[in-house]
Amino acid sequence: MLTLRLYITLIISVFLAISLIERGIGVLEGTVVTCSLLFLIFDIHNEMVDLKRLETEVTSLLQGD
């Protein structure tokens, strides 16, 4: 999962760099970068919620023994 996030981040960075070099950031480029970053933020947030739930379950199982 980490490699996928790094790959997406690399693609976004390359796209942004090429856009800046070619003609600057327009509405389309801004939309693509913003949506990609929001996707990454929400994806990481969902994974953190899942990890927190898993931590709670493991803790309750260990305390039950």
N, C-alpha and C. Protein backbone atom coordinates (compact mmCIF):
# COMPACT_ATOMS: atom_id res chain seq x y z
N MET A 1 0.82 -1.19 0.00
CA MET A 1 0.00 0.00 0.00
C MET A 1 0.87 1.26 0.00
N LEU A 2 1.97 1.18 0.72
CA LEU A 2 2.87 2.32 0.76
C LEU A 2 3.47 2.59 -0.62
N THR A 3 3.82 1.54 -1.33
CA THR A 3 4.40 1.73 -2.66
C THR A 3 3.39 2.36 -3.61
N LEU A 4 2.13 2.00 -3.46
CA LEU A 4 1.09 2.61 -4.30
C LEU A 4 0.97 4.09 -4.02
N ARG A 5 0.99 4.46 -2.75
CA ARG A 5 0.92 5.88 -2.39
C ARG A 5 2.13 6.65 -2.91
N LEU A 6 3.31 6.04 -2.78
CA LEU A 6 4.51 6.70 -3.29
C LEU A 6 4.46 6.84 -4.80
N TYR A 7 3.94 5.84 -5.48
CA TYR A 7 3.81 5.89 -6.93
C TYR A 7 2.86 7.01 -7.35
N ILE A 8 1.72 7.11 -6.68
CA ILE A 8 0.75 8.17 -6.99
C ILE A 8 1.36 9.54 -6.72
N THR A 9 2.07 9.67 -5.60
CA THR A 9 2.72 10.93 -5.28
C THR A 9 3.77 11.30 -6.32
N LEU A 10 4.52 10.32 -6.79
CA LEU A 10 5.52 10.56 -7.83
C LEU A 10 4.86 11.02 -9.12
N ILE A 11 3.77 10.38 -9.51
CA ILE A 11 3.05 10.77 -10.72
C ILE A 11 2.52 12.20 -10.60
N ILE A 12 1.96 12.53 -9.45
CA ILE A 12 1.45 13.89 -9.22
C ILE A 12 2.58 14.90 -9.32
N SER A 13 3.72 14.59 -8.71
CA SER A 13 4.87 15.51 -8.72
C SER A 13 5.40 15.72 -10.13
N VAL A 14 5.51 14.63 -10.89
CA VAL A 14 5.99 14.74 -12.27
C VAL A 14 5.01 15.55 -13.11
N PHE A 15 3.73 15.27 -12.95
CA PHE A 15 2.70 16.02 -13.69
C PHE A 15 2.76 17.50 -13.36
N LEU A 16 2.91 17.82 -12.08
CA LEU A 16 2.98 19.21 -11.66
C LEU A 16 4.24 19.89 -12.20
N ALA A 17 5.37 19.18 -12.15
CA ALA A 17 6.62 19.76 -12.67
C ALA A 17 6.53 20.01 -14.17
N ILE A 18 6.01 19.05 -14.91
CA ILE A 18 5.88 19.23 -16.36
C ILE A 18 4.92 20.38 -16.67
N SER A 19 3.84 20.48 -15.93
CA SER A 19 2.89 21.57 -16.15
C SER A 19 3.53 22.93 -15.88
N LEU A 20 4.32 23.00 -14.81
CA LEU A 20 4.99 24.26 -14.49
C LEU A 20 6.00 24.65 -15.57
N ILE A 21 6.73 23.66 -16.06
CA ILE A 21 7.75 23.94 -17.08
C ILE A 21 7.10 24.36 -18.40
N GLU A 22 6.04 23.69 -18.78
CA GLU A 22 5.40 23.92 -20.07
C GLU A 22 4.66 25.25 -20.15
N ARG A 23 3.70 25.45 -19.26
CA ARG A 23 2.86 26.64 -19.41
C ARG A 23 2.32 27.20 -18.09
N GLY A 24 2.70 26.65 -16.99
CA GLY A 24 2.16 27.11 -15.72
C GLY A 24 0.96 26.28 -15.31
N ILE A 25 0.49 26.53 -14.14
CA ILE A 25 -0.63 25.74 -13.62
C ILE A 25 -1.94 26.43 -14.01
N GLY A 26 -2.77 25.69 -14.71
CA GLY A 26 -4.08 26.19 -15.10
C GLY A 26 -5.16 25.53 -14.25
N VAL A 27 -6.39 25.70 -14.69
CA VAL A 27 -7.52 25.15 -13.95
C VAL A 27 -7.49 23.63 -13.98
N LEU A 28 -7.19 23.04 -15.12
CA LEU A 28 -7.16 21.59 -15.24
C LEU A 28 -6.07 20.98 -14.37
N GLU A 29 -4.89 21.53 -14.42
CA GLU A 29 -3.80 21.02 -13.62
C GLU A 29 -4.09 21.17 -12.13
N GLY A 30 -4.63 22.31 -11.75
CA GLY A 30 -4.99 22.53 -10.35
C GLY A 30 -6.03 21.55 -9.86
N THR A 31 -7.01 21.26 -10.72
CA THR A 31 -8.05 20.30 -10.36
C THR A 31 -7.47 18.91 -10.19
N VAL A 32 -6.62 18.49 -11.11
CA VAL A 32 -6.01 17.15 -11.03
C VAL A 32 -5.16 17.01 -9.78
N VAL A 33 -4.33 17.99 -9.50
CA VAL A 33 -3.47 17.92 -8.33
C VAL A 33 -4.29 17.95 -7.05
N THR A 34 -5.27 18.83 -6.97
CA THR A 34 -6.11 18.93 -5.77
C THR A 34 -6.87 17.64 -5.52
N CYS A 35 -7.48 17.08 -6.55
CA CYS A 35 -8.24 15.83 -6.38
C CYS A 35 -7.32 14.68 -5.97
N SER A 36 -6.14 14.62 -6.55
CA SER A 36 -5.20 13.56 -6.20
C SER A 36 -4.75 13.68 -4.75
N LEU A 37 -4.44 14.88 -4.32
CA LEU A 37 -4.02 15.07 -2.94
C LEU A 37 -5.15 14.78 -1.96
N LEU A 38 -6.37 15.18 -2.30
CA LEU A 38 -7.51 14.87 -1.44
C LEU A 38 -7.73 13.36 -1.35
N PHE A 39 -7.57 12.66 -2.47
CA PHE A 39 -7.69 11.20 -2.45
C PHE A 39 -6.67 10.59 -1.51
N LEU A 40 -5.42 11.04 -1.59
CA LEU A 40 -4.39 10.51 -0.71
C LEU A 40 -4.69 10.80 0.76
N ILE A 41 -5.17 12.00 1.05
CA ILE A 41 -5.49 12.36 2.43
C ILE A 41 -6.62 11.49 2.96
N PHE A 42 -7.69 11.33 2.19
CA PHE A 42 -8.81 10.50 2.64
C PHE A 42 -8.42 9.04 2.76
N ASP A 43 -7.57 8.55 1.86
CA ASP A 43 -7.13 7.17 1.92
C ASP A 43 -6.31 6.91 3.17
N ILE A 44 -5.40 7.82 3.48
CA ILE A 44 -4.59 7.68 4.68
C ILE A 44 -5.47 7.79 5.93
N HIS A 45 -6.45 8.68 5.90
CA HIS A 45 -7.35 8.81 7.04
C HIS A 45 -8.12 7.51 7.28
N ASN A 46 -8.65 6.91 6.22
CA ASN A 46 -9.38 5.65 6.36
C ASN A 46 -8.49 4.55 6.90
N GLU A 47 -7.25 4.51 6.44
CA GLU A 47 -6.34 3.49 6.95
C GLU A 47 -6.01 3.71 8.41
N MET A 48 -5.88 4.97 8.82
CA MET A 48 -5.61 5.26 10.23
C MET A 48 -6.79 4.85 11.11
N VAL A 49 -8.01 5.06 10.62
CA VAL A 49 -9.20 4.63 11.37
C VAL A 49 -9.21 3.11 11.50
N ASP A 50 -8.88 2.41 10.42
CA ASP A 50 -8.82 0.95 10.47
C ASP A 50 -7.75 0.46 11.45
N LEU A 51 -6.59 1.12 11.43
CA LEU A 51 -5.52 0.74 12.36
C LEU A 51 -5.92 1.00 13.81
N LYS A 52 -6.62 2.09 14.05
CA LYS A 52 -7.07 2.41 15.41
C LYS A 52 -8.06 1.36 15.90
N ARG A 53 -8.98 0.94 15.00
CA ARG A 53 -9.95 -0.10 15.35
C ARG A 53 -9.24 -1.42 15.62
N LEU A 54 -8.25 -1.76 14.81
CA LEU A 54 -7.48 -2.98 15.01
C LEU A 54 -6.73 -2.93 16.33
N GLU A 55 -6.16 -1.78 16.65
CA GLU A 55 -5.45 -1.63 17.92
C GLU A 55 -6.40 -1.84 19.10
N THR A 56 -7.60 -1.30 18.99
CA THR A 56 -8.59 -1.47 20.05
C THR A 56 -8.98 -2.94 20.22
N GLU A 57 -9.17 -3.63 19.11
CA GLU A 57 -9.53 -5.05 19.17
C GLU A 57 -8.41 -5.89 19.78
N VAL A 58 -7.17 -5.62 19.37
CA VAL A 58 -6.04 -6.38 19.91
C VAL A 58 -5.87 -6.10 21.40
N THR A 59 -6.02 -4.86 21.80
CA THR A 59 -5.91 -4.50 23.20
C THR A 59 -6.99 -5.20 24.02
N SER A 60 -8.20 -5.23 23.52
CA SER A 60 -9.28 -5.89 24.27
C SER A 60 -9.06 -7.40 24.34
N LEU A 61 -8.50 -7.99 23.30
CA LEU A 61 -8.20 -9.41 23.33
C LEU A 61 -7.08 -9.73 24.31
N LEU A 62 -6.07 -8.87 24.36
CA LEU A 62 -4.96 -9.10 25.29
C LEU A 62 -5.38 -8.89 26.74
N GLN A 63 -6.27 -7.97 27.00
CA GLN A 63 -6.74 -7.74 28.36
C GLN A 63 -7.69 -8.83 28.80
N GLY A 64 -8.34 -9.49 27.84
CA GLY A 64 -9.26 -10.56 28.18
C GLY A 64 -8.56 -11.83 28.63
N ASP A 65 -7.27 -11.98 28.29
CA ASP A 65 -6.53 -13.21 28.66
C ASP A 65 -6.06 -13.19 30.06
